[in-house]
């Protein structure tokens, strides 16, 4: 199954909710009107895109309709697709051209963070790159063991310390090992929960500072794993983690299990954080690089992806 087919299948629930409602709104009238705008805005808000982002998108639609002198609802639909594509586009590609490149992976417990790291390792190994993993989630007893399972599956080495050890020290040792061994990609796991949010964010800031200090001349990606099923709560998580650790992007998991795939839009629009990867299934190859044009094509089930750039 190709990437587009996986994305299309993964967005089936979102398409069945948000997109079908939008299409019904466009199909209920031939001409563009204020009533149509109000209906579209309501659908976007109710689709967990959020009020601010929904209002911005409809305002952009109104501007484009006026500028291009559009009259028909079908034209407005095409304009909306173009706007959404534009909103979620930009900086999707990972910056991993140096040797080593460092990827710090963050996320609350339960979002599939460690599994995502394993899938990332597999992705890079399939590209012929060498990978080392850092088990810096030292506060969760099973985290290191889980990461080691993925390391065995992907033939990667794991840097680990004892349970409860300083996570920043694990990150330091992982980066050092990557440099000494000529490894292409160093991927570090991090804690998803401490006994309170303040301590977690302080720990992540400490780790982030170690990465900055030790990554001279290295590409660095600090990625937050967000569970798409959480909807607007995922946006709140992204905002908090961005403050604490200076995120460079988002990995959105479990798209296939939710009707809230539109969360891509507010994350990019409100927080200016690019989506780097999306998870559309349980398989090891179901974590795929994000492509805004393909995503929008799959979301609206269009066949003219070349025309919505």
C-alpha atoms as a PDB file:
ATOM      1  CA  UNK A   1       0.000   0.000   0.000  1.00  0.00           C
ATOM      2  CA  UNK A   2       1.427   3.380  -1.034  1.00  0.00           C
ATOM      3  CA  UNK A   3       1.782   6.454   1.164  1.00  0.00           C
ATOM      4  CA  UNK A   4      -1.318   8.181  -0.218  1.00  0.00           C
ATOM      5  CA  UNK A   5      -3.447   5.078   0.289  1.00  0.00           C
ATOM      6  CA  UNK A   6      -2.239   4.751   3.882  1.00  0.00           C
ATOM      7  CA  UNK A   7      -2.968   8.398   4.619  1.00  0.00           C
ATOM      8  CA  UNK A   8      -6.366   8.177   2.934  1.00  0.00           C
ATOM      9  CA  UNK A   9      -7.262   5.085   4.960  1.00  0.00           C
ATOM     10  CA  UNK A  10      -5.905   6.666   8.135  1.00  0.00           C
ATOM     11  CA  UNK A  11      -8.064   9.755   7.625  1.00  0.00           C
ATOM     12  CA  UNK A  12     -11.262   7.784   6.992  1.00  0.00           C
ATOM     13  CA  UNK A  13     -12.853   8.762  10.315  1.00  0.00           C
ATOM     14  CA  UNK A  14     -11.911  12.423   9.972  1.00  0.00           C
ATOM     15  CA  UNK A  15     -13.167  12.455   6.405  1.00  0.00           C
ATOM     16  CA  UNK A  16     -16.406  10.822   7.562  1.00  0.00           C
ATOM     17  CA  UNK A  17     -16.973  13.623  10.044  1.00  0.00           C
ATOM     18  CA  UNK A  18     -15.451  16.956   9.080  1.00  0.00           C
ATOM     19  CA  UNK A  19     -15.015  16.603   5.323  1.00  0.00           C
ATOM     20  CA  UNK A  20     -18.406  15.086   4.596  1.00  0.00           C
ATOM     21  CA  UNK A  21     -20.085  17.845   6.587  1.00  0.00           C
ATOM     22  CA  UNK A  22     -18.140  20.475   4.672  1.00  0.00           C
ATOM     23  CA  UNK A  23     -19.106  18.874   1.369  1.00  0.00           C
ATOM     24  CA  UNK A  24     -22.749  18.789   2.429  1.00  0.00           C
ATOM     25  CA  UNK A  25     -22.563  22.494   3.234  1.00  0.00           C
ATOM     26  CA  UNK A  26     -21.026  23.306  -0.135  1.00  0.00           C
ATOM     27  CA  UNK A  27     -23.529  21.068  -1.882  1.00  0.00           C
ATOM     28  CA  UNK A  28     -26.563  22.595  -0.191  1.00  0.00           C
ATOM     29  CA  UNK A  29     -26.249  25.882  -2.062  1.00  0.00           C
ATOM     30  CA  UNK A  30     -25.043  26.936  -5.476  1.00  0.00           C
ATOM     31  CA  UNK A  31     -23.834  30.395  -4.531  1.00  0.00           C
ATOM     32  CA  UNK A  32     -21.504  31.697  -1.843  1.00  0.00           C
ATOM     33  CA  UNK A  33     -23.298  33.472   0.986  1.00  0.00           C
ATOM     34  CA  UNK A  34     -22.873  34.639   4.574  1.00  0.00           C
ATOM     35  CA  UNK A  35     -24.957  31.654   5.677  1.00  0.00           C
ATOM     36  CA  UNK A  36     -22.474  29.335   3.962  1.00  0.00           C
ATOM     37  CA  UNK A  37     -19.543  31.003   5.723  1.00  0.00           C
ATOM     38  CA  UNK A  38     -21.284  30.629   9.097  1.00  0.00           C
ATOM     39  CA  UNK A  39     -22.005  26.963   8.467  1.00  0.00           C
ATOM     40  CA  UNK A  40     -18.424  26.249   7.385  1.00  0.00           C
ATOM     41  CA  UNK A  41     -17.036  28.020  10.446  1.00  0.00           C
ATOM     42  CA  UNK A  42     -19.299  26.012  12.755  1.00  0.00           C
ATOM     43  CA  UNK A  43     -18.248  22.737  11.148  1.00  0.00           C
ATOM     44  CA  UNK A  44     -14.571  23.566  11.566  1.00  0.00           C
ATOM     45  CA  UNK A  45     -15.032  24.547  15.210  1.00  0.00           C
ATOM     46  CA  UNK A  46     -17.006  21.388  15.976  1.00  0.00           C
ATOM     47  CA  UNK A  47     -14.305  19.319  14.249  1.00  0.00           C
ATOM     48  CA  UNK A  48     -11.859  20.171  17.051  1.00  0.00           C
ATOM     49  CA  UNK A  49      -9.915  22.650  14.931  1.00  0.00           C
ATOM     50  CA  UNK A  50     -10.591  25.332  17.517  1.00  0.00           C
ATOM     51  CA  UNK A  51     -12.421  28.629  17.366  1.00  0.00           C
ATOM     52  CA  UNK A  52      -9.478  30.951  16.653  1.00  0.00           C
ATOM     53  CA  UNK A  53      -8.071  28.824  13.829  1.00  0.00           C
ATOM     54  CA  UNK A  54     -11.521  28.222  12.334  1.00  0.00           C
ATOM     55  CA  UNK A  55     -12.270  31.959  12.283  1.00  0.00           C
ATOM     56  CA  UNK A  56      -8.888  32.685  10.681  1.00  0.00           C
ATOM     57  CA  UNK A  57      -9.456  30.106   7.961  1.00  0.00           C
ATOM     58  CA  UNK A  58     -12.910  31.427   7.108  1.00  0.00           C
ATOM     59  CA  UNK A  59     -11.564  34.996   7.066  1.00  0.00           C
ATOM     60  CA  UNK A  60      -8.883  33.856   4.617  1.00  0.00           C
ATOM     61  CA  UNK A  61     -11.578  32.166   2.533  1.00  0.00           C
ATOM     62  CA  UNK A  62     -13.608  35.397   2.419  1.00  0.00           C
ATOM     63  CA  UNK A  63     -10.543  37.343   1.304  1.00  0.00           C
ATOM     64  CA  UNK A  64      -9.763  34.850  -1.469  1.00  0.00           C
ATOM     65  CA  UNK A  65     -13.372  34.786  -2.642  1.00  0.00           C
ATOM     66  CA  UNK A  66     -13.388  38.575  -2.855  1.00  0.00           C
ATOM     67  CA  UNK A  67      -9.948  38.815  -4.469  1.00  0.00           C
ATOM     68  CA  UNK A  68     -10.662  36.163  -7.096  1.00  0.00           C
ATOM     69  CA  UNK A  69     -14.294  37.266  -7.576  1.00  0.00           C
ATOM     70  CA  UNK A  70     -15.643  33.787  -6.872  1.00  0.00           C
ATOM     71  CA  UNK A  71     -19.401  33.260  -6.971  1.00  0.00           C
ATOM     72  CA  UNK A  72     -20.121  29.526  -6.747  1.00  0.00           C
ATOM     73  CA  UNK A  73     -19.896  27.261  -3.721  1.00  0.00           C
ATOM     74  CA  UNK A  74     -17.830  24.732  -5.675  1.00  0.00           C
ATOM     75  CA  UNK A  75     -15.232  27.422  -6.269  1.00  0.00           C
ATOM     76  CA  UNK A  76     -15.244  28.213  -2.558  1.00  0.00           C
ATOM     77  CA  UNK A  77     -14.617  24.539  -1.778  1.00  0.00           C
ATOM     78  CA  UNK A  78     -11.521  24.531  -3.987  1.00  0.00           C
ATOM     79  CA  UNK A  79     -10.371  27.763  -2.369  1.00  0.00           C
ATOM     80  CA  UNK A  80     -10.785  26.229   1.106  1.00  0.00           C
ATOM     81  CA  UNK A  81      -8.679  23.222   0.091  1.00  0.00           C
ATOM     82  CA  UNK A  82      -5.958  25.565  -1.151  1.00  0.00           C
ATOM     83  CA  UNK A  83      -6.040  27.528   2.110  1.00  0.00           C
ATOM     84  CA  UNK A  84      -5.804  24.456   4.326  1.00  0.00           C
ATOM     85  CA  UNK A  85      -2.947  23.101   2.222  1.00  0.00           C
ATOM     86  CA  UNK A  86      -1.117  26.404   2.560  1.00  0.00           C
ATOM     87  CA  UNK A  87      -1.762  26.618   6.316  1.00  0.00           C
ATOM     88  CA  UNK A  88      -0.301  23.178   7.096  1.00  0.00           C
ATOM     89  CA  UNK A  89       2.623  23.415   4.655  1.00  0.00           C
ATOM     90  CA  UNK A  90       6.212  24.289   5.448  1.00  0.00           C
ATOM     91  CA  UNK A  91       9.288  22.788   7.118  1.00  0.00           C
ATOM     92  CA  UNK A  92       7.961  19.218   7.007  1.00  0.00           C
ATOM     93  CA  UNK A  93      11.324  17.643   6.244  1.00  0.00           C
ATOM     94  CA  UNK A  94      13.561  16.568   9.104  1.00  0.00           C
ATOM     95  CA  UNK A  95      16.902  18.357   9.313  1.00  0.00           C
ATOM     96  CA  UNK A  96      19.251  15.397   9.674  1.00  0.00           C
ATOM     97  CA  UNK A  97      22.070  16.060   7.223  1.00  0.00           C
ATOM     98  CA  UNK A  98      24.972  16.105   9.703  1.00  0.00           C
ATOM     99  CA  UNK A  99      26.794  13.145  11.214  1.00  0.00           C
ATOM    100  CA  UNK A 100      25.584  12.714  13.822  1.00  0.00           C
ATOM    101  CA  UNK A 101      22.186  14.346  13.750  1.00  0.00           C
ATOM    102  CA  UNK A 102      20.316  14.400  17.038  1.00  0.00           C
ATOM    103  CA  UNK A 103      16.617  13.784  17.550  1.00  0.00           C
ATOM    104  CA  UNK A 104      15.113  14.377  20.987  1.00  0.00           C
ATOM    105  CA  UNK A 105      11.653  12.824  21.313  1.00  0.00           C
ATOM    106  CA  UNK A 106       9.177  14.193  23.869  1.00  0.00           C
ATOM    107  CA  UNK A 107       5.617  13.367  24.795  1.00  0.00           C
ATOM    108  CA  UNK A 108       3.324  12.520  27.680  1.00  0.00           C
ATOM    109  CA  UNK A 109       2.886   8.889  28.668  1.00  0.00           C
ATOM    110  CA  UNK A 110       0.440   6.979  26.525  1.00  0.00           C
ATOM    111  CA  UNK A 111       0.940   8.755  23.208  1.00  0.00           C
ATOM    112  CA  UNK A 112       3.138   5.987  21.783  1.00  0.00           C
ATOM    113  CA  UNK A 113       6.438   7.835  22.226  1.00  0.00           C
ATOM    114  CA  UNK A 114       8.750   4.844  22.619  1.00  0.00           C
ATOM    115  CA  UNK A 115       7.016   2.936  19.842  1.00  0.00           C
ATOM    116  CA  UNK A 116       7.381   5.993  17.618  1.00  0.00           C
ATOM    117  CA  UNK A 117      11.122   6.069  18.356  1.00  0.00           C
ATOM    118  CA  UNK A 118      11.382   2.454  17.272  1.00  0.00           C
ATOM    119  CA  UNK A 119       9.550   3.230  14.045  1.00  0.00           C
ATOM    120  CA  UNK A 120      11.796   6.236  13.433  1.00  0.00           C
ATOM    121  CA  UNK A 121      14.832   4.002  13.907  1.00  0.00           C
ATOM    122  CA  UNK A 122      13.409   1.562  11.366  1.00  0.00           C
ATOM    123  CA  UNK A 123      12.730   4.416   8.934  1.00  0.00           C
ATOM    124  CA  UNK A 124      16.324   5.619   9.081  1.00  0.00           C
ATOM    125  CA  UNK A 125      17.777   2.113   8.956  1.00  0.00           C
ATOM    126  CA  UNK A 126      15.798   1.488   5.767  1.00  0.00           C
ATOM    127  CA  UNK A 127      17.522   4.570   4.343  1.00  0.00           C
ATOM    128  CA  UNK A 128      20.885   2.964   5.058  1.00  0.00           C
ATOM    129  CA  UNK A 129      21.682   5.162   8.061  1.00  0.00           C
ATOM    130  CA  UNK A 130      23.188   3.993  11.338  1.00  0.00           C
ATOM    131  CA  UNK A 131      21.152   4.735  14.460  1.00  0.00           C
ATOM    132  CA  UNK A 132      21.809   4.787  18.203  1.00  0.00           C
ATOM    133  CA  UNK A 133      19.058   5.089  20.814  1.00  0.00           C
ATOM    134  CA  UNK A 134      19.259   6.823  24.195  1.00  0.00           C
ATOM    135  CA  UNK A 135      17.037   5.492  26.997  1.00  0.00           C
ATOM    136  CA  UNK A 136      16.624   8.783  28.865  1.00  0.00           C
ATOM    137  CA  UNK A 137      13.180   7.943  30.245  1.00  0.00           C
ATOM    138  CA  UNK A 138      14.762   6.625  33.421  1.00  0.00           C
ATOM    139  CA  UNK A 139      11.690   7.227  35.602  1.00  0.00           C
ATOM    140  CA  UNK A 140       9.401   4.623  34.018  1.00  0.00           C
ATOM    141  CA  UNK A 141      10.476   1.096  34.859  1.00  0.00           C
ATOM    142  CA  UNK A 142       9.512  -0.494  31.550  1.00  0.00           C
ATOM    143  CA  UNK A 143      10.713   2.313  29.282  1.00  0.00           C
ATOM    144  CA  UNK A 144      14.279   1.061  28.815  1.00  0.00           C
ATOM    145  CA  UNK A 145      13.136  -2.528  28.280  1.00  0.00           C
ATOM    146  CA  UNK A 146      10.601  -1.379  25.710  1.00  0.00           C
ATOM    147  CA  UNK A 147      13.242   0.641  23.896  1.00  0.00           C
ATOM    148  CA  UNK A 148      15.598  -2.360  23.921  1.00  0.00           C
ATOM    149  CA  UNK A 149      12.930  -4.470  22.232  1.00  0.00           C
ATOM    150  CA  UNK A 150      12.765  -1.942  19.426  1.00  0.00           C
ATOM    151  CA  UNK A 151      16.557  -1.753  19.286  1.00  0.00           C
ATOM    152  CA  UNK A 152      16.706  -5.501  18.741  1.00  0.00           C
ATOM    153  CA  UNK A 153      14.069  -5.308  16.026  1.00  0.00           C
ATOM    154  CA  UNK A 154      15.929  -2.537  14.209  1.00  0.00           C
ATOM    155  CA  UNK A 155      19.493  -3.662  14.994  1.00  0.00           C
ATOM    156  CA  UNK A 156      20.421  -0.516  16.951  1.00  0.00           C
ATOM    157  CA  UNK A 157      22.568  -0.039  20.038  1.00  0.00           C
ATOM    158  CA  UNK A 158      20.968   1.444  23.183  1.00  0.00           C
ATOM    159  CA  UNK A 159      22.708   3.726  25.664  1.00  0.00           C
ATOM    160  CA  UNK A 160      21.167   3.220  29.100  1.00  0.00           C
ATOM    161  CA  UNK A 161      21.799   3.895  32.782  1.00  0.00           C
ATOM    162  CA  UNK A 162      20.217   2.429  35.894  1.00  0.00           C
ATOM    163  CA  UNK A 163      16.574   3.166  36.697  1.00  0.00           C
ATOM    164  CA  UNK A 164      16.182   6.625  38.241  1.00  0.00           C
ATOM    165  CA  UNK A 165      19.477   7.903  36.843  1.00  0.00           C
ATOM    166  CA  UNK A 166      19.901  11.453  35.544  1.00  0.00           C
ATOM    167  CA  UNK A 167      18.181  11.571  32.124  1.00  0.00           C
ATOM    168  CA  UNK A 168      20.433  14.407  30.951  1.00  0.00           C
ATOM    169  CA  UNK A 169      23.456  12.189  31.601  1.00  0.00           C
ATOM    170  CA  UNK A 170      21.965   9.501  29.342  1.00  0.00           C
ATOM    171  CA  UNK A 171      21.461  12.066  26.600  1.00  0.00           C
ATOM    172  CA  UNK A 172      25.029  13.291  27.038  1.00  0.00           C
ATOM    173  CA  UNK A 173      26.405   9.750  26.777  1.00  0.00           C
ATOM    174  CA  UNK A 174      24.242   8.984  23.730  1.00  0.00           C
ATOM    175  CA  UNK A 175      25.502  12.022  21.837  1.00  0.00           C
ATOM    176  CA  UNK A 176      29.091  11.252  22.851  1.00  0.00           C
ATOM    177  CA  UNK A 177      28.746   7.644  21.671  1.00  0.00           C
ATOM    178  CA  UNK A 178      27.256   8.777  18.359  1.00  0.00           C
ATOM    179  CA  UNK A 179      30.203  11.103  17.765  1.00  0.00           C
ATOM    180  CA  UNK A 180      32.840   8.529  18.703  1.00  0.00           C
ATOM    181  CA  UNK A 181      31.311   5.735  16.629  1.00  0.00           C
ATOM    182  CA  UNK A 182      30.449   7.813  13.561  1.00  0.00           C
ATOM    183  CA  UNK A 183      26.720   7.152  13.921  1.00  0.00           C
ATOM    184  CA  UNK A 184      24.357   8.983  11.571  1.00  0.00           C
ATOM    185  CA  UNK A 185      21.332   9.464  13.837  1.00  0.00           C
ATOM    186  CA  UNK A 186      21.066   9.618  17.634  1.00  0.00           C
ATOM    187  CA  UNK A 187      17.468   9.348  18.912  1.00  0.00           C
ATOM    188  CA  UNK A 188      16.834  10.021  22.607  1.00  0.00           C
ATOM    189  CA  UNK A 189      13.731   9.025  24.543  1.00  0.00           C
ATOM    190  CA  UNK A 190      12.613  11.291  27.415  1.00  0.00           C
ATOM    191  CA  UNK A 191      10.319  11.081  30.422  1.00  0.00           C
ATOM    192  CA  UNK A 192       6.623  11.578  29.782  1.00  0.00           C
ATOM    193  CA  UNK A 193       5.627  12.112  33.376  1.00  0.00           C
ATOM    194  CA  UNK A 194       7.158  13.048  36.724  1.00  0.00           C
ATOM    195  CA  UNK A 195       5.241  13.674  39.938  1.00  0.00           C
ATOM    196  CA  UNK A 196       4.190  17.103  38.732  1.00  0.00           C
ATOM    197  CA  UNK A 197       4.258  19.063  35.480  1.00  0.00           C
ATOM    198  CA  UNK A 198       6.720  21.639  36.780  1.00  0.00           C
ATOM    199  CA  UNK A 199       9.319  18.954  37.508  1.00  0.00           C
ATOM    200  CA  UNK A 200       8.783  17.343  34.113  1.00  0.00           C
ATOM    201  CA  UNK A 201       9.251  20.605  32.265  1.00  0.00           C
ATOM    202  CA  UNK A 202      12.327  21.470  34.351  1.00  0.00           C
ATOM    203  CA  UNK A 203      13.831  18.078  33.500  1.00  0.00           C
ATOM    204  CA  UNK A 204      13.134  18.569  29.804  1.00  0.00           C
ATOM    205  CA  UNK A 205      14.699  22.023  29.899  1.00  0.00           C
ATOM    206  CA  UNK A 206      17.815  20.517  31.473  1.00  0.00           C
ATOM    207  CA  UNK A 207      17.979  17.838  28.765  1.00  0.00           C
ATOM    208  CA  UNK A 208      17.417  20.447  26.056  1.00  0.00           C
ATOM    209  CA  UNK A 209      20.299  22.498  27.410  1.00  0.00           C
ATOM    210  CA  UNK A 210      22.597  19.457  27.311  1.00  0.00           C
ATOM    211  CA  UNK A 211      21.623  18.834  23.691  1.00  0.00           C
ATOM    212  CA  UNK A 212      22.338  22.455  22.768  1.00  0.00           C
ATOM    213  CA  UNK A 213      25.723  22.345  24.489  1.00  0.00           C
ATOM    214  CA  UNK A 214      26.829  19.039  23.021  1.00  0.00           C
ATOM    215  CA  UNK A 215      25.414  19.406  19.516  1.00  0.00           C
ATOM    216  CA  UNK A 216      27.762  21.968  18.023  1.00  0.00           C
ATOM    217  CA  UNK A 217      27.813  21.554  14.237  1.00  0.00           C
ATOM    218  CA  UNK A 218      25.001  18.961  14.496  1.00  0.00           C
ATOM    219  CA  UNK A 219      21.478  19.127  13.141  1.00  0.00           C
ATOM    220  CA  UNK A 220      19.013  18.893  16.025  1.00  0.00           C
ATOM    221  CA  UNK A 221      15.321  18.070  15.946  1.00  0.00           C
ATOM    222  CA  UNK A 222      13.238  18.282  19.128  1.00  0.00           C
ATOM    223  CA  UNK A 223      10.008  16.476  18.325  1.00  0.00           C
ATOM    224  CA  UNK A 224       6.825  16.129  20.357  1.00  0.00           C
ATOM    225  CA  UNK A 225       4.700  13.022  19.883  1.00  0.00           C
ATOM    226  CA  UNK A 226       1.007  13.961  19.998  1.00  0.00           C
ATOM    227  CA  UNK A 227      -1.871  11.497  20.087  1.00  0.00           C
ATOM    228  CA  UNK A 228      -4.353  12.702  17.466  1.00  0.00           C
ATOM    229  CA  UNK A 229      -7.275  11.254  19.423  1.00  0.00           C
ATOM    230  CA  UNK A 230      -6.775  13.909  22.131  1.00  0.00           C
ATOM    231  CA  UNK A 231      -7.881  16.706  19.801  1.00  0.00           C
ATOM    232  CA  UNK A 232      -7.507  20.180  21.280  1.00  0.00           C
ATOM    233  CA  UNK A 233      -5.732  18.756  24.334  1.00  0.00           C
ATOM    234  CA  UNK A 234      -2.912  17.857  21.970  1.00  0.00           C
ATOM    235  CA  UNK A 235      -2.621  21.529  21.013  1.00  0.00           C
ATOM    236  CA  UNK A 236      -2.389  22.440  24.703  1.00  0.00           C
ATOM    237  CA  UNK A 237       0.361  19.834  25.193  1.00  0.00           C
ATOM    238  CA  UNK A 238       2.281  21.186  22.219  1.00  0.00           C
ATOM    239  CA  UNK A 239       2.085  24.715  23.590  1.00  0.00           C
ATOM    240  CA  UNK A 240       3.468  23.647  26.993  1.00  0.00           C
ATOM    241  CA  UNK A 241       6.280  21.534  25.576  1.00  0.00           C
ATOM    242  CA  UNK A 242       7.231  24.254  23.121  1.00  0.00           C
ATOM    243  CA  UNK A 243       7.771  26.654  26.027  1.00  0.00           C
ATOM    244  CA  UNK A 244       9.876  24.145  27.936  1.00  0.00           C
ATOM    245  CA  UNK A 245      12.015  22.605  25.234  1.00  0.00           C
ATOM    246  CA  UNK A 246      11.895  24.702  22.074  1.00  0.00           C
ATOM    247  CA  UNK A 247      10.191  22.182  19.823  1.00  0.00           C
ATOM    248  CA  UNK A 248      11.112  21.974  16.153  1.00  0.00           C
ATOM    249  CA  UNK A 249       8.202  19.803  15.088  1.00  0.00           C
ATOM    250  CA  UNK A 250       5.395  17.366  15.810  1.00  0.00           C
ATOM    251  CA  UNK A 251       4.898  13.661  15.227  1.00  0.00           C
ATOM    252  CA  UNK A 252       1.158  12.988  15.114  1.00  0.00           C
ATOM    253  CA  UNK A 253       0.200   9.412  16.004  1.00  0.00           C
ATOM    254  CA  UNK A 254      -3.012   7.363  15.895  1.00  0.00           C
ATOM    255  CA  UNK A 255      -4.554   9.281  13.003  1.00  0.00           C
ATOM    256  CA  UNK A 256      -6.279   6.079  11.926  1.00  0.00           C
ATOM    257  CA  UNK A 257      -8.160   5.833  15.224  1.00  0.00           C
ATOM    258  CA  UNK A 258      -9.794   9.241  15.364  1.00  0.00           C
ATOM    259  CA  UNK A 259     -12.108  11.687  13.628  1.00  0.00           C
ATOM    260  CA  UNK A 260      -9.889  14.520  14.919  1.00  0.00           C
ATOM    261  CA  UNK A 261      -7.245  14.458  12.188  1.00  0.00           C
ATOM    262  CA  UNK A 262      -7.910  18.150  11.642  1.00  0.00           C
ATOM    263  CA  UNK A 263      -5.703  18.799  14.712  1.00  0.00           C
ATOM    264  CA  UNK A 264      -2.915  19.198  12.143  1.00  0.00           C
ATOM    265  CA  UNK A 265      -4.375  22.594  11.249  1.00  0.00           C
ATOM    266  CA  UNK A 266      -4.332  24.393  14.641  1.00  0.00           C
ATOM    267  CA  UNK A 267      -0.941  22.934  15.581  1.00  0.00           C
ATOM    268  CA  UNK A 268       0.597  24.506  12.497  1.00  0.00           C
ATOM    269  CA  UNK A 269      -1.540  27.662  12.428  1.00  0.00           C
ATOM    270  CA  UNK A 270      -1.537  28.595  16.113  1.00  0.00           C
ATOM    271  CA  UNK A 271       1.824  27.263  17.281  1.00  0.00           C
ATOM    272  CA  UNK A 272       3.803  27.511  14.028  1.00  0.00           C
ATOM    273  CA  UNK A 273       5.065  23.971  14.568  1.00  0.00           C
ATOM    274  CA  UNK A 274       5.478  21.827  11.460  1.00  0.00           C
ATOM    275  CA  UNK A 275       4.157  18.288  11.340  1.00  0.00           C
ATOM    276  CA  UNK A 276       7.155  16.069  10.569  1.00  0.00           C
ATOM    277  CA  UNK A 277       5.664  12.561  10.666  1.00  0.00           C
ATOM    278  CA  UNK A 278       2.222  11.000  10.982  1.00  0.00           C
ATOM    279  CA  UNK A 279       1.263   7.571  12.286  1.00  0.00           C
ATOM    280  CA  UNK A 280      -1.524   5.850  10.377  1.00  0.00           C
ATOM    281  CA  UNK A 281      -1.404   2.318  11.754  1.00  0.00           C
ATOM    282  CA  UNK A 282       0.259  -0.213  14.021  1.00  0.00           C
ATOM    283  CA  UNK A 283       2.806  -1.518  11.505  1.00  0.00           C
ATOM    284  CA  UNK A 284       6.480  -0.626  11.722  1.00  0.00           C
ATOM    285  CA  UNK A 285       6.252   1.175   8.367  1.00  0.00           C
ATOM    286  CA  UNK A 286       3.024   3.030   9.208  1.00  0.00           C
ATOM    287  CA  UNK A 287       4.933   6.075  10.493  1.00  0.00           C
ATOM    288  CA  UNK A 288       5.326   8.236   7.420  1.00  0.00           C
ATOM    289  CA  UNK A 289       6.923  11.625   6.637  1.00  0.00           C
ATOM    290  CA  UNK A 290       4.256  14.301   6.478  1.00  0.00           C
ATOM    291  CA  UNK A 291       3.331  15.768   3.097  1.00  0.00           C
ATOM    292  CA  UNK A 292       0.823  18.623   3.300  1.00  0.00           C
ATOM    293  CA  UNK A 293      -0.380  18.277  -0.271  1.00  0.00           C
ATOM    294  CA  UNK A 294      -0.941  14.530   0.015  1.00  0.00           C
ATOM    295  CA  UNK A 295      -2.588  14.979   3.422  1.00  0.00           C
ATOM    296  CA  UNK A 296      -5.102  17.502   2.087  1.00  0.00           C
ATOM    297  CA  UNK A 297      -5.769  15.407  -0.988  1.00  0.00           C
ATOM    298  CA  UNK A 298      -6.536  12.415   1.232  1.00  0.00           C
ATOM    299  CA  UNK A 299      -8.602  14.517   3.643  1.00  0.00           C
ATOM    300  CA  UNK A 300     -10.849  15.896   0.896  1.00  0.00           C
ATOM    301  CA  UNK A 301     -10.594  12.778  -1.266  1.00  0.00           C
ATOM    302  CA  UNK A 302      -9.584  14.799  -4.324  1.00  0.00           C
ATOM    303  CA  UNK A 303      -7.858  13.542  -7.453  1.00  0.00           C
ATOM    304  CA  UNK A 304      -6.223  16.824  -8.390  1.00  0.00           C
ATOM    305  CA  UNK A 305      -3.353  16.985  -5.913  1.00  0.00           C
ATOM    306  CA  UNK A 306      -1.236  18.803  -8.494  1.00  0.00           C
ATOM    307  CA  UNK A 307      -3.748  21.646  -8.558  1.00  0.00           C
ATOM    308  CA  UNK A 308      -3.858  22.362  -4.813  1.00  0.00           C
ATOM    309  CA  UNK A 309      -0.308  23.474  -4.202  1.00  0.00           C
END
